[in-house]
Amino acid sequence: MVTLKDIARECKVSFSTVSKALKGSPEIGLETTEFVRKKAREMGYHPNLAARTLRTNRTYDIGVIFEEKTGVGLQHEYFATVVSGIQSVAFKKGYDITFIGGNSLQNYDYHSHARARSYDGVAILSCDFSSSGIIDLIKSEIPTVTLDFALDAQHSAVLSDTAAGIEELCEYVISMGHRKIAMIHGEKTWVTDQRVEAFKKTCEKHGISIPDDYFAEVLYHDTLGCSVATKKLLSLNEPPTCIFYPDDYAALGGIYELRGMNLTPGKDISIVGYDGINLTSMMVPPLTTYEQNGKVAGQTMAEFLFALIEDSARSKPKHEFINGRLIQGGTVVKIN
């Protein structure tokens, strides 16, 4: 069995240097770190997890909470990129990740679950943030970081600048001459509230009044719900000229309905999505949307979480907004 001493002898460096290099310590230069890691791989070194756990009192496992109401799981491209970002940082630091939950578990005792599994920390991606099970976990002694929800300044969170994204989309649509703008939004969450409020404020700034029947609620990632909502909006006496969808994937349901009515997005009617997934970028024309940087969000979550796990005495809770970008695509037609 290859040990750290064997690697140190082969690399002609100290035991301490090898140990720090394999942990990714910033004290060791990048060139030395890569050299040590390459030599460790060549020698077939595998860390003794049990010994490391006893030595550090950590399991090197973090939990990831991802509740998803439509049942698509990590087929949801945006959250898949967030998880990819978390994994990339966790892998470098020698941690594994374990998913907790799959569907919404009402007031599930996540705190007891995390303690029983001895997770070093928990990343909370998607769930009912108002449930007692989630709140109790965030307030517990276990390090946590949340995505798109900030309980208070005492707990770390990574936030998409969702209000800015909707405002930028709205400004673009209005600049293209639209004043009859409808919004199909997701179920009630902090994110949804931010989006709806930004939508209303931007329209109001331009003197545009949005009637109540121009708003519809569906689940995020729900193509069928968006298809039904689209049909209802276009059956109004004064149908909208542009429809906002809660996310790019859900917009596909609306597009399906529009095609059935012989309406072409970007020609006969305008539509916009949200997320910037690869699938809708390959449409003809590409979907007008706002791209969220899921990978950076995931990496930032992981960095915040590992800082709390590995140096809780000096690490302070942080909030950070992740900016996205407008993708004009081709599904918003200019009107007079």
C-alpha atoms as a PDB file:
ATOM      1  CA  MET A   1       0.000   0.000   0.000  1.00  0.00           C
ATOM      2  CA  VAL A   2       1.445   3.368  -1.078  1.00  0.00           C
ATOM      3  CA  THR A   3       1.758   5.909   1.757  1.00  0.00           C
ATOM      4  CA  LEU A   4       2.392   9.640   1.895  1.00  0.00           C
ATOM      5  CA  LYS A   5       5.946   8.901   3.024  1.00  0.00           C
ATOM      6  CA  ASP A   6       6.511   6.832  -0.127  1.00  0.00           C
ATOM      7  CA  ILE A   7       5.280   9.722  -2.297  1.00  0.00           C
ATOM      8  CA  ALA A   8       7.427  12.228  -0.373  1.00  0.00           C
ATOM      9  CA  ARG A   9      10.501  10.029  -0.881  1.00  0.00           C
ATOM     10  CA  GLU A  10       9.786   9.675  -4.613  1.00  0.00           C
ATOM     11  CA  CYS A  11       9.149  13.415  -5.076  1.00  0.00           C
ATOM     12  CA  LYS A  12      12.084  14.390  -2.856  1.00  0.00           C
ATOM     13  CA  VAL A  13       9.907  16.718  -0.780  1.00  0.00           C
ATOM     14  CA  SER A  14       8.738  16.658   2.822  1.00  0.00           C
ATOM     15  CA  PHE A  15       5.826  14.601   4.152  1.00  0.00           C
ATOM     16  CA  SER A  16       4.093  17.886   5.036  1.00  0.00           C
ATOM     17  CA  THR A  17       4.413  19.179   1.464  1.00  0.00           C
ATOM     18  CA  VAL A  18       2.820  16.001   0.067  1.00  0.00           C
ATOM     19  CA  SER A  19      -0.014  16.139   2.583  1.00  0.00           C
ATOM     20  CA  LYS A  20      -0.784  19.788   1.823  1.00  0.00           C
ATOM     21  CA  ALA A  21      -0.477  19.328  -1.934  1.00  0.00           C
ATOM     22  CA  LEU A  22      -2.975  16.465  -1.955  1.00  0.00           C
ATOM     23  CA  LYS A  23      -5.385  18.579   0.113  1.00  0.00           C
ATOM     24  CA  GLY A  24      -5.050  21.499  -2.321  1.00  0.00           C
ATOM     25  CA  SER A  25      -3.595  23.829   0.289  1.00  0.00           C
ATOM     26  CA  PRO A  26      -2.818  27.349  -1.041  1.00  0.00           C
ATOM     27  CA  GLU A  27       0.472  27.191   0.892  1.00  0.00           C
ATOM     28  CA  ILE A  28       1.893  24.923  -1.825  1.00  0.00           C
ATOM     29  CA  GLY A  29       2.600  26.304  -5.294  1.00  0.00           C
ATOM     30  CA  LEU A  30       0.517  25.131  -8.236  1.00  0.00           C
ATOM     31  CA  GLU A  31       3.492  23.517 -10.008  1.00  0.00           C
ATOM     32  CA  THR A  32       4.474  21.504  -6.921  1.00  0.00           C
ATOM     33  CA  THR A  33       0.860  20.515  -6.261  1.00  0.00           C
ATOM     34  CA  GLU A  34       0.416  19.196  -9.810  1.00  0.00           C
ATOM     35  CA  PHE A  35       3.761  17.349  -9.641  1.00  0.00           C
ATOM     36  CA  VAL A  36       2.874  15.639  -6.345  1.00  0.00           C
ATOM     37  CA  ARG A  37      -0.624  14.695  -7.493  1.00  0.00           C
ATOM     38  CA  LYS A  38       0.684  13.289 -10.784  1.00  0.00           C
ATOM     39  CA  LYS A  39       3.263  11.198  -8.949  1.00  0.00           C
ATOM     40  CA  ALA A  40       0.609   9.977  -6.479  1.00  0.00           C
ATOM     41  CA  ARG A  41      -1.593   8.819  -9.360  1.00  0.00           C
ATOM     42  CA  GLU A  42       1.328   7.061 -11.060  1.00  0.00           C
ATOM     43  CA  MET A  43       2.161   5.240  -7.826  1.00  0.00           C
ATOM     44  CA  GLY A  44      -1.463   4.154  -7.347  1.00  0.00           C
ATOM     45  CA  TYR A  45      -2.011   6.080  -4.121  1.00  0.00           C
ATOM     46  CA  HIS A  46      -5.488   5.946  -2.590  1.00  0.00           C
ATOM     47  CA  PRO A  47      -6.234   7.906   0.592  1.00  0.00           C
ATOM     48  CA  ASN A  48      -7.295   5.926   3.641  1.00  0.00           C
ATOM     49  CA  LEU A  49     -10.673   7.492   4.274  1.00  0.00           C
ATOM     50  CA  ALA A  50     -11.227   5.746   7.595  1.00  0.00           C
ATOM     51  CA  ALA A  51      -7.890   6.991   8.942  1.00  0.00           C
ATOM     52  CA  ARG A  52      -8.523  10.486   7.638  1.00  0.00           C
ATOM     53  CA  THR A  53     -11.959  10.516   9.281  1.00  0.00           C
ATOM     54  CA  LEU A  54     -10.498   9.515  12.634  1.00  0.00           C
ATOM     55  CA  ARG A  55      -7.697  12.080  12.323  1.00  0.00           C
ATOM     56  CA  THR A  56      -9.881  15.044  11.314  1.00  0.00           C
ATOM     57  CA  ASN A  57     -13.258  14.097  12.824  1.00  0.00           C
ATOM     58  CA  ARG A  58     -14.842  14.633   9.390  1.00  0.00           C
ATOM     59  CA  THR A  59     -16.603  12.213   7.036  1.00  0.00           C
ATOM     60  CA  TYR A  60     -15.642  14.151   3.884  1.00  0.00           C
ATOM     61  CA  ASP A  61     -19.218  13.897   2.708  1.00  0.00           C
ATOM     62  CA  ILE A  62     -21.609  16.795   2.143  1.00  0.00           C
ATOM     63  CA  GLY A  63     -25.350  16.526   1.674  1.00  0.00           C
ATOM     64  CA  VAL A  64     -27.199  18.207  -1.197  1.00  0.00           C
ATOM     65  CA  ILE A  65     -30.920  18.894  -0.786  1.00  0.00           C
ATOM     66  CA  PHE A  66     -32.743  18.972  -4.103  1.00  0.00           C
ATOM     67  CA  GLU A  67     -36.541  18.727  -3.943  1.00  0.00           C
ATOM     68  CA  GLU A  68     -38.194  18.838  -7.361  1.00  0.00           C
ATOM     69  CA  LYS A  69     -41.977  18.825  -7.707  1.00  0.00           C
ATOM     70  CA  THR A  70     -42.288  17.773 -11.354  1.00  0.00           C
ATOM     71  CA  GLY A  71     -40.134  14.666 -10.844  1.00  0.00           C
ATOM     72  CA  VAL A  72     -37.530  15.412 -13.527  1.00  0.00           C
ATOM     73  CA  GLY A  73     -34.651  15.455 -11.045  1.00  0.00           C
ATOM     74  CA  LEU A  74     -31.285  16.384 -12.509  1.00  0.00           C
ATOM     75  CA  GLN A  75     -32.726  16.376 -16.000  1.00  0.00           C
ATOM     76  CA  HIS A  76     -33.370  19.994 -14.996  1.00  0.00           C
ATOM     77  CA  GLU A  77     -30.439  21.503 -16.860  1.00  0.00           C
ATOM     78  CA  TYR A  78     -29.976  24.579 -14.685  1.00  0.00           C
ATOM     79  CA  PHE A  79     -29.762  22.631 -11.423  1.00  0.00           C
ATOM     80  CA  ALA A  80     -27.559  20.038 -13.122  1.00  0.00           C
ATOM     81  CA  THR A  81     -25.028  22.795 -13.861  1.00  0.00           C
ATOM     82  CA  VAL A  82     -25.229  24.001 -10.243  1.00  0.00           C
ATOM     83  CA  VAL A  83     -24.482  20.466  -9.012  1.00  0.00           C
ATOM     84  CA  SER A  84     -21.630  20.222 -11.515  1.00  0.00           C
ATOM     85  CA  GLY A  85     -20.142  23.368 -10.006  1.00  0.00           C
ATOM     86  CA  ILE A  86     -20.404  21.948  -6.485  1.00  0.00           C
ATOM     87  CA  GLN A  87     -18.859  18.642  -7.579  1.00  0.00           C
ATOM     88  CA  SER A  88     -15.887  20.303  -9.264  1.00  0.00           C
ATOM     89  CA  VAL A  89     -14.876  22.016  -6.014  1.00  0.00           C
ATOM     90  CA  ALA A  90     -15.735  19.027  -3.796  1.00  0.00           C
ATOM     91  CA  PHE A  91     -13.648  16.664  -5.937  1.00  0.00           C
ATOM     92  CA  LYS A  92     -10.562  18.855  -5.661  1.00  0.00           C
ATOM     93  CA  LYS A  93     -10.924  18.920  -1.888  1.00  0.00           C
ATOM     94  CA  GLY A  94     -11.485  15.164  -1.587  1.00  0.00           C
ATOM     95  CA  TYR A  95     -15.161  15.320  -0.599  1.00  0.00           C
ATOM     96  CA  ASP A  96     -18.090  13.237  -1.831  1.00  0.00           C
ATOM     97  CA  ILE A  97     -21.634  14.542  -2.205  1.00  0.00           C
ATOM     98  CA  THR A  98     -24.839  12.705  -1.302  1.00  0.00           C
ATOM     99  CA  PHE A  99     -28.296  13.749  -2.442  1.00  0.00           C
ATOM    100  CA  ILE A 100     -31.020  14.094   0.169  1.00  0.00           C
ATOM    101  CA  GLY A 101     -34.644  13.834  -0.926  1.00  0.00           C
ATOM    102  CA  GLY A 102     -36.015  13.804  -4.430  1.00  0.00           C
ATOM    103  CA  ASN A 103     -39.585  14.940  -4.095  1.00  0.00           C
ATOM    104  CA  SER A 104     -41.002  17.484  -1.691  1.00  0.00           C
ATOM    105  CA  LEU A 105     -41.032  16.056   1.827  1.00  0.00           C
ATOM    106  CA  GLN A 106     -43.293  18.213   3.978  1.00  0.00           C
ATOM    107  CA  ASN A 107     -41.446  19.374   7.097  1.00  0.00           C
ATOM    108  CA  TYR A 108     -39.017  16.457   6.883  1.00  0.00           C
ATOM    109  CA  ASP A 109     -36.495  16.495   9.739  1.00  0.00           C
ATOM    110  CA  TYR A 110     -33.415  17.288   7.658  1.00  0.00           C
ATOM    111  CA  HIS A 111     -31.398  18.252  10.730  1.00  0.00           C
ATOM    112  CA  SER A 112     -31.715  14.801  12.319  1.00  0.00           C
ATOM    113  CA  HIS A 113     -31.058  13.178   8.947  1.00  0.00           C
ATOM    114  CA  ALA A 114     -27.871  15.191   8.418  1.00  0.00           C
ATOM    115  CA  ARG A 115     -26.641  14.410  11.945  1.00  0.00           C
ATOM    116  CA  ALA A 116     -27.377  10.690  11.566  1.00  0.00           C
ATOM    117  CA  ARG A 117     -25.440  10.575   8.286  1.00  0.00           C
ATOM    118  CA  SER A 118     -22.657  12.752   9.765  1.00  0.00           C
ATOM    119  CA  TYR A 119     -22.522  15.145   6.832  1.00  0.00           C
ATOM    120  CA  ASP A 120     -19.808  17.758   7.262  1.00  0.00           C
ATOM    121  CA  GLY A 121     -22.142  20.321   5.692  1.00  0.00           C
ATOM    122  CA  VAL A 122     -25.229  20.648   3.519  1.00  0.00           C
ATOM    123  CA  ALA A 123     -25.852  22.589   0.303  1.00  0.00           C
ATOM    124  CA  ILE A 124     -29.556  23.440  -0.074  1.00  0.00           C
ATOM    125  CA  LEU A 125     -30.479  23.908  -3.726  1.00  0.00           C
ATOM    126  CA  SER A 126     -34.222  23.569  -4.132  1.00  0.00           C
ATOM    127  CA  CYS A 127     -36.943  22.957  -1.549  1.00  0.00           C
ATOM    128  CA  ASP A 128     -39.758  24.568   0.408  1.00  0.00           C
ATOM    129  CA  PHE A 129     -37.682  27.113   2.334  1.00  0.00           C
ATOM    130  CA  SER A 130     -40.642  27.895   4.587  1.00  0.00           C
ATOM    131  CA  SER A 131     -40.776  24.346   6.000  1.00  0.00           C
ATOM    132  CA  SER A 132     -39.708  23.833   9.600  1.00  0.00           C
ATOM    133  CA  GLY A 133     -37.427  20.962   8.551  1.00  0.00           C
ATOM    134  CA  ILE A 134     -35.353  23.270   6.352  1.00  0.00           C
ATOM    135  CA  ILE A 135     -35.348  26.221   8.761  1.00  0.00           C
ATOM    136  CA  ASP A 136     -34.239  23.992  11.652  1.00  0.00           C
ATOM    137  CA  LEU A 137     -31.344  22.658   9.561  1.00  0.00           C
ATOM    138  CA  ILE A 138     -30.177  26.125   8.495  1.00  0.00           C
ATOM    139  CA  LYS A 139     -30.244  27.330  12.117  1.00  0.00           C
ATOM    140  CA  SER A 140     -28.451  24.227  13.424  1.00  0.00           C
ATOM    141  CA  GLU A 141     -24.766  23.655  14.187  1.00  0.00           C
ATOM    142  CA  ILE A 142     -24.262  21.991  10.788  1.00  0.00           C
ATOM    143  CA  PRO A 143     -22.666  24.300   8.172  1.00  0.00           C
ATOM    144  CA  THR A 144     -25.129  25.102   5.375  1.00  0.00           C
ATOM    145  CA  VAL A 145     -25.329  27.287   2.288  1.00  0.00           C
ATOM    146  CA  THR A 146     -28.550  28.014   0.415  1.00  0.00           C
ATOM    147  CA  LEU A 147     -29.284  28.799  -3.221  1.00  0.00           C
ATOM    148  CA  ASP A 148     -31.688  31.666  -4.022  1.00  0.00           C
ATOM    149  CA  PHE A 149     -32.855  32.027  -0.435  1.00  0.00           C
ATOM    150  CA  ALA A 150     -31.330  34.060   2.387  1.00  0.00           C
ATOM    151  CA  LEU A 151     -32.726  33.352   5.838  1.00  0.00           C
ATOM    152  CA  ASP A 152     -30.722  36.164   7.436  1.00  0.00           C
ATOM    153  CA  ALA A 153     -27.244  37.684   7.536  1.00  0.00           C
ATOM    154  CA  GLN A 154     -26.031  34.928   9.878  1.00  0.00           C
ATOM    155  CA  HIS A 155     -26.246  32.193   7.248  1.00  0.00           C
ATOM    156  CA  SER A 156     -24.468  31.876   3.894  1.00  0.00           C
ATOM    157  CA  ALA A 157     -26.402  32.147   0.631  1.00  0.00           C
ATOM    158  CA  VAL A 158     -25.707  32.364  -3.096  1.00  0.00           C
ATOM    159  CA  LEU A 159     -28.355  34.325  -4.962  1.00  0.00           C
ATOM    160  CA  SER A 160     -29.158  34.752  -8.636  1.00  0.00           C
ATOM    161  CA  ASP A 161     -29.865  38.384  -9.415  1.00  0.00           C
ATOM    162  CA  THR A 162     -33.296  37.331 -10.606  1.00  0.00           C
ATOM    163  CA  ALA A 163     -34.924  40.766 -10.323  1.00  0.00           C
ATOM    164  CA  ALA A 164     -32.220  42.276 -12.520  1.00  0.00           C
ATOM    165  CA  GLY A 165     -32.700  39.467 -15.033  1.00  0.00           C
ATOM    166  CA  ILE A 166     -36.434  40.033 -15.356  1.00  0.00           C
ATOM    167  CA  GLU A 167     -35.933  43.795 -15.547  1.00  0.00           C
ATOM    168  CA  GLU A 168     -33.442  43.395 -18.399  1.00  0.00           C
ATOM    169  CA  LEU A 169     -35.777  41.040 -20.277  1.00  0.00           C
ATOM    170  CA  CYS A 170     -38.675  43.440 -19.732  1.00  0.00           C
ATOM    171  CA  GLU A 171     -36.709  46.434 -20.954  1.00  0.00           C
ATOM    172  CA  TYR A 172     -35.742  44.550 -24.097  1.00  0.00           C
ATOM    173  CA  VAL A 173     -39.320  43.444 -24.830  1.00  0.00           C
ATOM    174  CA  ILE A 174     -40.656  46.972 -24.288  1.00  0.00           C
ATOM    175  CA  SER A 175     -37.911  48.412 -26.512  1.00  0.00           C
ATOM    176  CA  MET A 176     -39.237  46.130 -29.255  1.00  0.00           C
ATOM    177  CA  GLY A 177     -42.597  47.906 -29.045  1.00  0.00           C
ATOM    178  CA  HIS A 178     -44.588  45.532 -26.826  1.00  0.00           C
ATOM    179  CA  ARG A 179     -47.119  46.828 -24.333  1.00  0.00           C
ATOM    180  CA  LYS A 180     -49.441  43.820 -24.039  1.00  0.00           C
ATOM    181  CA  ILE A 181     -47.121  41.580 -22.044  1.00  0.00           C
ATOM    182  CA  ALA A 182     -48.257  38.503 -20.095  1.00  0.00           C
ATOM    183  CA  MET A 183     -46.329  36.537 -17.480  1.00  0.00           C
ATOM    184  CA  ILE A 184     -46.608  32.835 -16.731  1.00  0.00           C
ATOM    185  CA  HIS A 185     -44.650  32.455 -13.498  1.00  0.00           C
ATOM    186  CA  GLY A 186     -43.680  29.572 -11.239  1.00  0.00           C
ATOM    187  CA  GLU A 187     -45.202  28.548  -7.920  1.00  0.00           C
ATOM    188  CA  LYS A 188     -44.898  30.947  -4.988  1.00  0.00           C
ATOM    189  CA  THR A 189     -41.301  31.129  -3.786  1.00  0.00           C
ATOM    190  CA  TRP A 190     -38.872  33.895  -2.899  1.00  0.00           C
ATOM    191  CA  VAL A 191     -37.561  33.765  -6.481  1.00  0.00           C
ATOM    192  CA  THR A 192     -41.057  33.985  -7.964  1.00  0.00           C
ATOM    193  CA  ASP A 193     -41.949  36.953  -5.758  1.00  0.00           C
ATOM    194  CA  GLN A 194     -38.774  38.754  -6.884  1.00  0.00           C
ATOM    195  CA  ARG A 195     -39.521  38.113 -10.535  1.00  0.00           C
ATOM    196  CA  VAL A 196     -43.167  39.168 -10.447  1.00  0.00           C
ATOM    197  CA  GLU A 197     -42.334  42.327  -8.511  1.00  0.00           C
ATOM    198  CA  ALA A 198     -39.544  43.253 -10.963  1.00  0.00           C
ATOM    199  CA  PHE A 199     -41.871  42.589 -13.912  1.00  0.00           C
ATOM    200  CA  LYS A 200     -44.600  44.829 -12.510  1.00  0.00           C
ATOM    201  CA  LYS A 201     -42.216  47.639 -11.558  1.00  0.00           C
ATOM    202  CA  THR A 202     -40.524  47.702 -14.952  1.00  0.00           C
ATOM    203  CA  CYS A 203     -43.834  47.799 -16.800  1.00  0.00           C
ATOM    204  CA  GLU A 204     -45.159  50.484 -14.457  1.00  0.00           C
ATOM    205  CA  LYS A 205     -42.036  52.585 -15.077  1.00  0.00           C
ATOM    206  CA  HIS A 206     -42.973  52.661 -18.755  1.00  0.00           C
ATOM    207  CA  GLY A 207     -46.633  53.453 -18.043  1.00  0.00           C
ATOM    208  CA  ILE A 208     -47.764  49.956 -18.966  1.00  0.00           C
ATOM    209  CA  SER A 209     -50.695  48.552 -16.997  1.00  0.00           C
ATOM    210  CA  ILE A 210     -50.807  44.747 -16.812  1.00  0.00           C
ATOM    211  CA  PRO A 211     -54.309  43.280 -16.220  1.00  0.00           C
ATOM    212  CA  ASP A 212     -54.694  40.475 -13.677  1.00  0.00           C
ATOM    213  CA  ASP A 213     -55.686  37.958 -16.349  1.00  0.00           C
ATOM    214  CA  TYR A 214     -52.265  38.434 -17.967  1.00  0.00           C
ATOM    215  CA  PHE A 215     -50.734  36.534 -15.034  1.00  0.00           C
ATOM    216  CA  ALA A 216     -50.805  32.734 -14.713  1.00  0.00           C
ATOM    217  CA  GLU A 217     -49.159  30.390 -12.212  1.00  0.00           C
ATOM    218  CA  VAL A 218     -47.716  26.971 -13.055  1.00  0.00           C
ATOM    219  CA  LEU A 219     -44.957  24.807 -11.597  1.00  0.00           C
ATOM    220  CA  TYR A 220     -41.423  25.538 -12.723  1.00  0.00           C
ATOM    221  CA  HIS A 221     -40.300  23.102 -15.439  1.00  0.00           C
ATOM    222  CA  ASP A 222     -43.945  22.235 -16.197  1.00  0.00           C
ATOM    223  CA  THR A 223     -44.468  22.017 -19.965  1.00  0.00           C
ATOM    224  CA  LEU A 224     -48.085  20.863 -19.723  1.00  0.00           C
ATOM    225  CA  GLY A 225     -49.019  23.692 -17.349  1.00  0.00           C
ATOM    226  CA  CYS A 226     -47.437  26.233 -19.698  1.00  0.00           C
ATOM    227  CA  SER A 227     -49.285  24.762 -22.670  1.00  0.00           C
ATOM    228  CA  VAL A 228     -52.621  25.167 -20.881  1.00  0.00           C
ATOM    229  CA  ALA A 229     -51.766  28.663 -19.645  1.00  0.00           C
ATOM    230  CA  THR A 230     -50.682  29.746 -23.135  1.00  0.00           C
ATOM    231  CA  LYS A 231     -53.974  28.602 -24.642  1.00  0.00           C
ATOM    232  CA  LYS A 232     -55.899  30.485 -21.956  1.00  0.00           C
ATOM    233  CA  LEU A 233     -53.929  33.712 -22.497  1.00  0.00           C
ATOM    234  CA  LEU A 234     -54.430  33.649 -26.259  1.00  0.00           C
ATOM    235  CA  SER A 235     -58.168  33.079 -25.867  1.00  0.00           C
ATOM    236  CA  LEU A 236     -58.595  36.460 -24.128  1.00  0.00           C
ATOM    237  CA  ASN A 237     -60.483  39.242 -25.919  1.00  0.00           C
ATOM    238  CA  GLU A 238     -57.213  41.193 -26.006  1.00  0.00           C
ATOM    239  CA  PRO A 239     -54.462  38.548 -26.071  1.00  0.00           C
ATOM    240  CA  PRO A 240     -50.868  39.508 -25.251  1.00  0.00           C
ATOM    241  CA  THR A 241     -48.286  40.120 -27.965  1.00  0.00           C
ATOM    242  CA  CYS A 242     -45.520  38.734 -25.762  1.00  0.00           C
ATOM    243  CA  ILE A 243     -45.523  35.977 -23.119  1.00  0.00           C
ATOM    244  CA  PHE A 244     -42.926  35.482 -20.381  1.00  0.00           C
ATOM    245  CA  TYR A 245     -42.366  31.856 -19.321  1.00  0.00           C
ATOM    246  CA  PRO A 246     -41.031  30.746 -15.905  1.00  0.00           C
ATOM    247  CA  ASP A 247     -38.084  28.850 -17.403  1.00  0.00           C
ATOM    248  CA  ASP A 248     -36.773  27.759 -20.794  1.00  0.00           C
ATOM    249  CA  TYR A 249     -37.841  24.136 -20.466  1.00  0.00           C
ATOM    250  CA  ALA A 250     -41.400  25.076 -19.453  1.00  0.00           C
ATOM    251  CA  ALA A 251     -41.496  27.426 -22.460  1.00  0.00           C
ATOM    252  CA  LEU A 252     -41.334  24.353 -24.709  1.00  0.00           C
ATOM    253  CA  GLY A 253     -44.882  23.544 -23.604  1.00  0.00           C
ATOM    254  CA  GLY A 254     -45.986  26.997 -24.672  1.00  0.00           C
ATOM    255  CA  ILE A 255     -44.191  26.641 -28.007  1.00  0.00           C
ATOM    256  CA  TYR A 256     -45.946  23.322 -28.609  1.00  0.00           C
ATOM    257  CA  GLU A 257     -49.313  25.011 -28.042  1.00  0.00           C
ATOM    258  CA  LEU A 258     -48.388  27.924 -30.311  1.00  0.00           C
ATOM    259  CA  ARG A 259     -47.368  25.570 -33.107  1.00  0.00           C
ATOM    260  CA  GLY A 260     -50.747  23.850 -32.785  1.00  0.00           C
ATOM    261  CA  MET A 261     -52.383  27.236 -33.348  1.00  0.00           C
ATOM    262  CA  ASN A 262     -50.165  27.854 -36.406  1.00  0.00           C
ATOM    263  CA  LEU A 263     -48.317  30.658 -34.602  1.00  0.00           C
ATOM    264  CA  THR A 264     -44.551  30.994 -35.035  1.00  0.00           C
ATOM    265  CA  PRO A 265     -42.552  32.514 -32.138  1.00  0.00           C
ATOM    266  CA  GLY A 266     -40.577  35.522 -33.340  1.00  0.00           C
ATOM    267  CA  LYS A 267     -42.958  36.047 -36.246  1.00  0.00           C
ATOM    268  CA  ASP A 268     -46.614  35.849 -35.179  1.00  0.00           C
ATOM    269  CA  ILE A 269     -46.068  36.200 -31.426  1.00  0.00           C
ATOM    270  CA  SER A 270     -43.193  36.954 -29.060  1.00  0.00           C
ATOM    271  CA  ILE A 271     -42.025  34.800 -26.164  1.00  0.00           C
ATOM    272  CA  VAL A 272     -39.175  34.844 -23.631  1.00  0.00           C
ATOM    273  CA  GLY A 273     -37.831  32.217 -21.238  1.00  0.00           C
ATOM    274  CA  TYR A 274     -35.440  32.181 -18.302  1.00  0.00           C
ATOM    275  CA  ASP A 275     -32.287  30.113 -17.521  1.00  0.00           C
ATOM    276  CA  GLY A 276     -30.415  30.019 -20.854  1.00  0.00           C
ATOM    277  CA  ILE A 277     -30.288  26.233 -21.285  1.00  0.00           C
ATOM    278  CA  ASN A 278     -28.527  24.639 -24.269  1.00  0.00           C
ATOM    279  CA  LEU A 279     -31.689  22.970 -25.570  1.00  0.00           C
ATOM    280  CA  THR A 280     -33.533  26.194 -26.369  1.00  0.00           C
ATOM    281  CA  SER A 281     -30.416  27.850 -27.798  1.00  0.00           C
ATOM    282  CA  MET A 282     -30.611  25.317 -30.643  1.00  0.00           C
ATOM    283  CA  MET A 283     -34.207  26.183 -31.572  1.00  0.00           C
ATOM    284  CA  VAL A 284     -34.936  27.998 -34.811  1.00  0.00           C
ATOM    285  CA  PRO A 285     -35.087  30.814 -33.962  1.00  0.00           C
ATOM    286  CA  PRO A 286     -33.200  30.536 -30.636  1.00  0.00           C
ATOM    287  CA  LEU A 287     -35.259  31.429 -27.569  1.00  0.00           C
ATOM    288  CA  THR A 288     -34.918  34.941 -26.164  1.00  0.00           C
ATOM    289  CA  THR A 289     -33.987  34.328 -22.540  1.00  0.00           C
ATOM    290  CA  TYR A 290     -31.827  35.300 -19.564  1.00  0.00           C
ATOM    291  CA  GLU A 291     -28.913  32.962 -18.905  1.00  0.00           C
ATOM    292  CA  GLN A 292     -28.143  32.064 -15.300  1.00  0.00           C
ATOM    293  CA  ASN A 293     -24.573  31.006 -14.541  1.00  0.00           C
ATOM    294  CA  GLY A 294     -25.343  27.777 -12.705  1.00  0.00           C
ATOM    295  CA  LYS A 295     -21.798  26.443 -12.632  1.00  0.00           C
ATOM    296  CA  VAL A 296     -20.418  29.584 -10.988  1.00  0.00           C
ATOM    297  CA  ALA A 297     -23.326  29.520  -8.512  1.00  0.00           C
ATOM    298  CA  GLY A 298     -22.474  25.917  -7.596  1.00  0.00           C
ATOM    299  CA  GLN A 299     -18.763  26.611  -7.267  1.00  0.00           C
ATOM    300  CA  THR A 300     -19.460  29.622  -5.054  1.00  0.00           C
ATOM    301  CA  MET A 301     -21.813  27.573  -2.861  1.00  0.00           C
ATOM    302  CA  ALA A 302     -19.133  24.909  -2.429  1.00  0.00           C
ATOM    303  CA  GLU A 303     -16.420  27.446  -1.612  1.00  0.00           C
ATOM    304  CA  PHE A 304     -18.624  29.083   1.036  1.00  0.00           C
ATOM    305  CA  LEU A 305     -19.541  25.695   2.509  1.00  0.00           C
ATOM    306  CA  PHE A 306     -15.989  24.329   2.687  1.00  0.00           C
ATOM    307  CA  ALA A 307     -14.776  27.560   4.283  1.00  0.00           C
ATOM    308  CA  LEU A 308     -17.327  27.048   7.070  1.00  0.00           C
ATOM    309  CA  ILE A 309     -16.445  23.351   7.403  1.00  0.00           C
ATOM    310  CA  GLU A 310     -12.676  23.709   7.424  1.00  0.00           C
ATOM    311  CA  ASP A 311     -12.212  26.982   9.289  1.00  0.00           C
ATOM    312  CA  SER A 312     -15.423  27.770  11.139  1.00  0.00           C
ATOM    313  CA  ALA A 313     -13.648  29.973  13.682  1.00  0.00           C
ATOM    314  CA  ARG A 314     -12.484  32.501  11.082  1.00  0.00           C
ATOM    315  CA  SER A 315     -15.065  32.070   8.320  1.00  0.00           C
ATOM    316  CA  LYS A 316     -18.012  34.430   8.344  1.00  0.00           C
ATOM    317  CA  PRO A 317     -21.358  33.836   6.609  1.00  0.00           C
ATOM    318  CA  LYS A 318     -21.533  35.446   3.156  1.00  0.00           C
ATOM    319  CA  HIS A 319     -24.172  36.458   0.644  1.00  0.00           C
ATOM    320  CA  GLU A 320     -23.189  36.736  -3.001  1.00  0.00           C
ATOM    321  CA  PHE A 321     -25.236  37.597  -6.088  1.00  0.00           C
ATOM    322  CA  ILE A 322     -24.380  35.792  -9.326  1.00  0.00           C
ATOM    323  CA  ASN A 323     -24.990  37.845 -12.453  1.00  0.00           C
ATOM    324  CA  GLY A 324     -26.423  36.422 -15.671  1.00  0.00           C
ATOM    325  CA  ARG A 325     -26.798  37.837 -19.174  1.00  0.00           C
ATOM    326  CA  LEU A 326     -29.537  38.604 -21.669  1.00  0.00           C
ATOM    327  CA  ILE A 327     -29.640  36.377 -24.750  1.00  0.00           C
ATOM    328  CA  GLN A 328     -31.671  38.194 -27.374  1.00  0.00           C
ATOM    329  CA  GLY A 329     -32.271  35.052 -29.431  1.00  0.00           C
ATOM    330  CA  GLY A 330     -34.934  35.526 -32.056  1.00  0.00           C
ATOM    331  CA  THR A 331     -38.328  34.973 -30.464  1.00  0.00           C
ATOM    332  CA  VAL A 332     -39.204  38.635 -29.804  1.00  0.00           C
ATOM    333  CA  VAL A 333     -40.515  40.384 -32.902  1.00  0.00           C
ATOM    334  CA  LYS A 334     -40.366  44.173 -33.235  1.00  0.00           C
ATOM    335  CA  ILE A 335     -43.807  45.783 -33.505  1.00  0.00           C
ATOM    336  CA  ASN A 336     -44.990  49.341 -34.062  1.00  0.00           C
END
